[in-house]
Amino acid sequence: MMSASGSPSAARKTWLVFVVFGSNGFLQFLPMPPLPHDITGDFLRAFLASHYLYAVAACQVIGCFFLILGGFVPLGFIILGPVIVNIVLFRGEAGR
């Protein structure tokens, strides 16, 4: 999966990031900092209390599985697309 320039493709770079953080949603091997005491923290507390985190982590792992297979890269990005949009929107709002 090398591109014409000799660097790994976007799919290869993407699956590694999402498989690590998706697995962390189930196994919690990366320490989590304390949640802030503002609307961002309230959103994350609701996210954790409702166990919606597991659905997002499952989408990350399943999407990565399709990226790893190689022939299903578009399907993998379709599954990961909403997760990526939420990350971008949340980071943009949290930076205000």
Foldseek 3Di string as FASTA:
>chain_A
DADPVRHDDPLVVQLVVLLVVLVCLVVVPDDDDDADPDVLSVVVVVCVVVSVSNVLSVLSNVLSVLSVVPVRPVVSCVSCVVVVVVVVVSVVVVVD
